[in-house]
Structure formats: structure tokens, C-alpha cells
Amino acid sequence: MNDKSTMNKIMEYMALGKPIVQFDLTEGRFSAQDASLYARRNDPEDLAAKIIELADDPARARRWVPSGAGAWRASSSGATKCEAARRVRLALEATVARSEP
């Protein structure tokens, strides 16, 4: 099931401009496109290695942030999906703003 449905956290990470590492699943790749680093399916060692790759290279991780924001907008095809995604982003931004001193 995870292979065929969008994980909310992937959309949230892109909306917040966070670098993403995930298993290479159909829907995850469709949603994140080139805004994610992909580990081999069901290979936790490869996932850990990819996380370490990004942790060791912050500049590389930052390069994905604009790409992720663009992919997030592009993946919101159709008016309903786009509006729902926009509302999620606004809610997340409001939550972050409230938590900042």
C-alpha cells in the first residue's frame, strides 16, 4: 500500500523545504521527483547510508530544498489537490510561526 499512496510526511517535508531520503517507491518518486535521495527498496542499510550522505554534505542537502518546493507545487495537479496542498502548507507555516519566539 505504501508504494501506491502519497505519504503525507513527504509532502510536508517538501512544503517545509526539508531534504528527503526515502525508499524508492512508485508514489514517493512521483511526488518528490528529483527532490529526494532514494534508497533501494526495503534496504535499511542503504537508507542509513543515504541519510549519512546528506548529513555529511549539508551543501548537497540544501540544493534539494528549492527543488523540493518546486516538486511540491508541481505534484499538486488538479484544482482540488492543489488547494488542499496549499491549505496544508498554510497550516504548517502558521504552526511554525506560532512556535517561534
N, C-alpha and C. Protein backbone atom coordinates (compact mmCIF):
# COMPACT_ATOMS: atom_id res chain seq x y z
N MET A 1 0.81 -1.18 0.00
CA MET A 1 0.00 0.00 0.00
C MET A 1 0.87 1.26 0.00
N ASN A 2 1.96 1.28 0.74
CA ASN A 2 2.83 2.46 0.78
C ASN A 2 3.41 2.79 -0.58
N ASP A 3 3.46 1.80 -1.46
CA ASP A 3 4.01 2.02 -2.79
C ASP A 3 3.05 2.81 -3.68
N LYS A 4 1.77 2.79 -3.37
CA LYS A 4 0.77 3.39 -4.25
C LYS A 4 0.06 4.60 -3.68
N SER A 5 0.42 5.03 -2.47
CA SER A 5 -0.25 6.20 -1.91
C SER A 5 0.79 7.20 -1.42
N THR A 6 0.43 8.46 -1.54
CA THR A 6 1.34 9.52 -1.14
C THR A 6 1.45 9.57 0.38
N MET A 7 2.65 9.59 0.87
CA MET A 7 2.87 9.74 2.30
C MET A 7 2.77 11.23 2.63
N ASN A 8 1.91 11.58 3.57
CA ASN A 8 1.76 12.99 3.95
C ASN A 8 3.08 13.60 4.34
N LYS A 9 3.92 12.84 5.03
CA LYS A 9 5.18 13.41 5.50
C LYS A 9 6.07 13.86 4.35
N ILE A 10 6.02 13.18 3.21
CA ILE A 10 6.83 13.59 2.07
C ILE A 10 6.36 14.96 1.57
N MET A 11 5.06 15.14 1.47
CA MET A 11 4.51 16.43 1.04
C MET A 11 4.85 17.52 2.06
N GLU A 12 4.76 17.18 3.33
CA GLU A 12 5.08 18.15 4.39
C GLU A 12 6.56 18.54 4.35
N TYR A 13 7.44 17.55 4.17
CA TYR A 13 8.88 17.85 4.10
C TYR A 13 9.16 18.79 2.92
N MET A 14 8.52 18.53 1.78
CA MET A 14 8.75 19.39 0.62
C MET A 14 8.19 20.78 0.88
N ALA A 15 7.00 20.86 1.48
CA ALA A 15 6.39 22.16 1.76
C ALA A 15 7.27 22.98 2.71
N LEU A 16 7.93 22.29 3.63
CA LEU A 16 8.78 22.97 4.60
C LEU A 16 10.22 23.15 4.10
N GLY A 17 10.51 22.65 2.91
CA GLY A 17 11.84 22.82 2.35
C GLY A 17 12.89 21.95 3.02
N LYS A 18 12.51 20.75 3.43
CA LYS A 18 13.45 19.83 4.10
C LYS A 18 14.01 18.83 3.09
N PRO A 19 15.27 18.47 3.23
CA PRO A 19 15.82 17.40 2.37
C PRO A 19 15.15 16.08 2.72
N ILE A 20 15.01 15.22 1.74
CA ILE A 20 14.27 13.96 1.92
C ILE A 20 15.13 12.78 1.50
N VAL A 21 15.11 11.75 2.31
CA VAL A 21 15.66 10.45 1.95
C VAL A 21 14.54 9.46 2.17
N GLN A 22 14.26 8.64 1.17
CA GLN A 22 13.18 7.67 1.28
C GLN A 22 13.49 6.44 0.43
N PHE A 23 12.75 5.36 0.70
CA PHE A 23 12.87 4.18 -0.16
C PHE A 23 12.30 4.54 -1.53
N ASP A 24 12.81 3.92 -2.56
CA ASP A 24 12.40 4.20 -3.93
C ASP A 24 11.07 3.49 -4.22
N LEU A 25 9.98 4.14 -3.86
CA LEU A 25 8.65 3.61 -4.08
C LEU A 25 7.96 4.44 -5.16
N THR A 26 7.04 3.83 -5.88
CA THR A 26 6.40 4.47 -7.03
C THR A 26 5.83 5.84 -6.69
N GLU A 27 4.96 5.92 -5.70
CA GLU A 27 4.30 7.18 -5.39
C GLU A 27 5.26 8.19 -4.76
N GLY A 28 6.20 7.71 -3.95
CA GLY A 28 7.19 8.62 -3.37
C GLY A 28 8.01 9.29 -4.45
N ARG A 29 8.40 8.53 -5.46
CA ARG A 29 9.18 9.10 -6.57
C ARG A 29 8.31 10.05 -7.39
N PHE A 30 7.05 9.70 -7.60
CA PHE A 30 6.14 10.57 -8.36
C PHE A 30 5.95 11.90 -7.63
N SER A 31 5.78 11.85 -6.32
CA SER A 31 5.53 13.06 -5.54
C SER A 31 6.78 13.92 -5.40
N ALA A 32 7.90 13.32 -5.05
CA ALA A 32 9.11 14.09 -4.77
C ALA A 32 9.97 14.33 -6.00
N GLN A 33 9.84 13.49 -7.00
CA GLN A 33 10.63 13.59 -8.22
C GLN A 33 12.12 13.70 -7.89
N ASP A 34 12.78 14.75 -8.35
CA ASP A 34 14.22 14.86 -8.11
C ASP A 34 14.54 15.60 -6.81
N ALA A 35 13.53 15.79 -5.96
CA ALA A 35 13.73 16.50 -4.70
C ALA A 35 14.07 15.55 -3.55
N SER A 36 14.37 14.32 -3.86
CA SER A 36 14.64 13.32 -2.83
C SER A 36 15.84 12.48 -3.21
N LEU A 37 16.50 11.97 -2.19
CA LEU A 37 17.53 10.96 -2.40
C LEU A 37 16.84 9.62 -2.14
N TYR A 38 17.03 8.66 -3.01
CA TYR A 38 16.30 7.40 -2.95
C TYR A 38 17.22 6.23 -2.58
N ALA A 39 16.76 5.46 -1.60
CA ALA A 39 17.45 4.24 -1.20
C ALA A 39 16.76 3.06 -1.88
N ARG A 40 17.51 1.98 -2.04
CA ARG A 40 16.92 0.78 -2.62
C ARG A 40 15.74 0.31 -1.76
N ARG A 41 14.72 -0.20 -2.41
CA ARG A 41 13.52 -0.67 -1.70
C ARG A 41 13.88 -1.68 -0.62
N ASN A 42 13.29 -1.47 0.55
CA ASN A 42 13.40 -2.42 1.66
C ASN A 42 14.85 -2.73 2.05
N ASP A 43 15.74 -1.77 1.88
CA ASP A 43 17.13 -1.96 2.23
C ASP A 43 17.53 -0.92 3.29
N PRO A 44 17.32 -1.24 4.57
CA PRO A 44 17.59 -0.26 5.63
C PRO A 44 19.05 0.19 5.67
N GLU A 45 19.97 -0.66 5.28
CA GLU A 45 21.38 -0.26 5.27
C GLU A 45 21.63 0.82 4.21
N ASP A 46 21.00 0.67 3.05
CA ASP A 46 21.14 1.69 2.02
C ASP A 46 20.45 2.98 2.45
N LEU A 47 19.31 2.89 3.11
CA LEU A 47 18.63 4.08 3.62
C LEU A 47 19.53 4.81 4.62
N ALA A 48 20.13 4.07 5.52
CA ALA A 48 21.05 4.68 6.50
C ALA A 48 22.23 5.34 5.79
N ALA A 49 22.77 4.67 4.78
CA ALA A 49 23.91 5.23 4.04
C ALA A 49 23.52 6.54 3.35
N LYS A 50 22.31 6.60 2.79
CA LYS A 50 21.85 7.82 2.11
C LYS A 50 21.65 8.95 3.12
N ILE A 51 21.13 8.64 4.29
CA ILE A 51 20.96 9.66 5.33
C ILE A 51 22.32 10.21 5.73
N ILE A 52 23.28 9.32 5.90
CA ILE A 52 24.63 9.75 6.26
C ILE A 52 25.23 10.61 5.15
N GLU A 53 24.98 10.23 3.89
CA GLU A 53 25.46 11.04 2.75
C GLU A 53 25.01 12.48 2.89
N LEU A 54 23.72 12.67 3.17
CA LEU A 54 23.21 14.04 3.29
C LEU A 54 23.72 14.73 4.54
N ALA A 55 23.81 13.99 5.63
CA ALA A 55 24.31 14.58 6.88
C ALA A 55 25.76 15.04 6.72
N ASP A 56 26.52 14.30 5.94
CA ASP A 56 27.93 14.64 5.73
C ASP A 56 28.14 15.73 4.69
N ASP A 57 27.09 16.08 3.96
CA ASP A 57 27.22 17.08 2.90
C ASP A 57 26.03 18.05 2.95
N PRO A 58 26.05 18.97 3.93
CA PRO A 58 24.92 19.91 4.08
C PRO A 58 24.66 20.75 2.83
N ALA A 59 25.70 21.09 2.09
CA ALA A 59 25.51 21.87 0.87
C ALA A 59 24.66 21.09 -0.13
N ARG A 60 24.92 19.80 -0.24
CA ARG A 60 24.13 18.95 -1.14
C ARG A 60 22.68 18.89 -0.67
N ALA A 61 22.47 18.76 0.63
CA ALA A 61 21.12 18.72 1.18
C ALA A 61 20.38 20.02 0.88
N ARG A 62 21.06 21.15 1.02
CA ARG A 62 20.43 22.45 0.76
C ARG A 62 20.05 22.63 -0.71
N ARG A 63 20.81 22.02 -1.61
CA ARG A 63 20.49 22.14 -3.04
C ARG A 63 19.14 21.53 -3.36
N TRP A 64 18.69 20.57 -2.56
CA TRP A 64 17.41 19.93 -2.82
C TRP A 64 16.23 20.76 -2.34
N VAL A 65 16.45 21.72 -1.49
CA VAL A 65 15.34 22.47 -0.91
C VAL A 65 14.53 23.21 -1.99
N PRO A 66 15.13 24.03 -2.88
CA PRO A 66 14.31 24.68 -3.90
C PRO A 66 13.65 23.67 -4.82
N SER A 67 14.36 22.59 -5.11
CA SER A 67 13.81 21.55 -5.96
C SER A 67 12.58 20.92 -5.30
N GLY A 68 12.67 20.70 -4.00
CA GLY A 68 11.54 20.11 -3.28
C GLY A 68 10.33 21.00 -3.27
N ALA A 69 10.52 22.29 -3.07
CA ALA A 69 9.40 23.22 -3.08
C ALA A 69 8.74 23.23 -4.45
N GLY A 70 9.56 23.19 -5.52
CA GLY A 70 9.00 23.15 -6.87
C GLY A 70 8.26 21.85 -7.15
N ALA A 71 8.82 20.75 -6.70
CA ALA A 71 8.16 19.46 -6.90
C ALA A 71 6.85 19.40 -6.13
N TRP A 72 6.85 19.99 -4.94
CA TRP A 72 5.62 20.01 -4.14
C TRP A 72 4.52 20.73 -4.89
N ARG A 73 4.85 21.87 -5.48
CA ARG A 73 3.84 22.62 -6.23
C ARG A 73 3.41 21.85 -7.47
N ALA A 74 4.37 21.27 -8.17
CA ALA A 74 4.07 20.55 -9.41
C ALA A 74 3.27 19.29 -9.15
N SER A 75 3.49 18.64 -8.01
CA SER A 75 2.78 17.39 -7.74
C SER A 75 1.33 17.64 -7.36
N SER A 76 0.97 18.88 -7.09
CA SER A 76 -0.39 19.21 -6.71
C SER A 76 -1.22 19.47 -7.96
N SER A 77 -1.37 18.43 -8.80
CA SER A 77 -2.11 18.60 -10.05
C SER A 77 -3.60 18.58 -9.77
N GLY A 78 -4.32 19.40 -10.47
CA GLY A 78 -5.77 19.49 -10.29
C GLY A 78 -6.10 20.51 -9.22
N ALA A 79 -7.19 21.21 -9.43
CA ALA A 79 -7.55 22.31 -8.53
C ALA A 79 -7.77 21.84 -7.10
N THR A 80 -8.46 20.73 -6.91
CA THR A 80 -8.76 20.27 -5.55
C THR A 80 -7.50 19.88 -4.81
N LYS A 81 -6.64 19.11 -5.46
CA LYS A 81 -5.41 18.68 -4.82
C LYS A 81 -4.51 19.87 -4.54
N CYS A 82 -4.46 20.81 -5.46
CA CYS A 82 -3.62 21.99 -5.28
C CYS A 82 -4.13 22.82 -4.10
N GLU A 83 -5.42 23.00 -4.00
CA GLU A 83 -6.00 23.78 -2.91
C GLU A 83 -5.76 23.08 -1.57
N ALA A 84 -5.93 21.78 -1.54
CA ALA A 84 -5.69 21.03 -0.30
C ALA A 84 -4.22 21.16 0.11
N ALA A 85 -3.33 21.04 -0.84
CA ALA A 85 -1.90 21.16 -0.53
C ALA A 85 -1.57 22.57 -0.04
N ARG A 86 -2.18 23.58 -0.66
CA ARG A 86 -1.96 24.95 -0.23
C ARG A 86 -2.41 25.15 1.21
N ARG A 87 -3.55 24.58 1.56
CA ARG A 87 -4.06 24.69 2.93
C ARG A 87 -3.14 24.00 3.93
N VAL A 88 -2.61 22.85 3.53
CA VAL A 88 -1.67 22.15 4.41
C VAL A 88 -0.44 23.01 4.63
N ARG A 89 0.07 23.58 3.56
CA ARG A 89 1.26 24.44 3.69
C ARG A 89 0.98 25.64 4.60
N LEU A 90 -0.16 26.29 4.41
CA LEU A 90 -0.51 27.44 5.25
C LEU A 90 -0.63 27.04 6.72
N ALA A 91 -1.24 25.89 6.96
CA ALA A 91 -1.38 25.42 8.34
C ALA A 91 -0.02 25.12 8.95
N LEU A 92 0.86 24.51 8.18
CA LEU A 92 2.20 24.22 8.68
C LEU A 92 2.98 25.51 8.95
N GLU A 93 2.87 26.47 8.04
CA GLU A 93 3.57 27.74 8.23
C GLU A 93 3.04 28.46 9.48
N ALA A 94 1.72 28.41 9.70
CA ALA A 94 1.15 29.06 10.88
C ALA A 94 1.62 28.37 12.15
N THR A 95 1.71 27.04 12.12
CA THR A 95 2.19 26.29 13.28
C THR A 95 3.63 26.65 13.60
N VAL A 96 4.46 26.71 12.57
CA VAL A 96 5.87 27.06 12.77
C VAL A 96 5.98 28.48 13.30
N ALA A 97 5.21 29.40 12.75
CA ALA A 97 5.26 30.80 13.19
C ALA A 97 4.86 30.93 14.65
N ARG A 98 3.86 30.17 15.10
CA ARG A 98 3.43 30.22 16.49
C ARG A 98 4.48 29.66 17.43
N SER A 99 5.29 28.71 16.95
CA SER A 99 6.27 28.07 17.83
C SER A 99 7.58 28.85 17.92
N GLU A 100 7.76 29.85 17.05
CA GLU A 100 8.98 30.66 17.08
C GLU A 100 8.85 31.76 18.13
N PRO A 101 9.94 32.05 18.85
CA PRO A 101 9.87 33.09 19.89
C PRO A 101 9.65 34.48 19.32
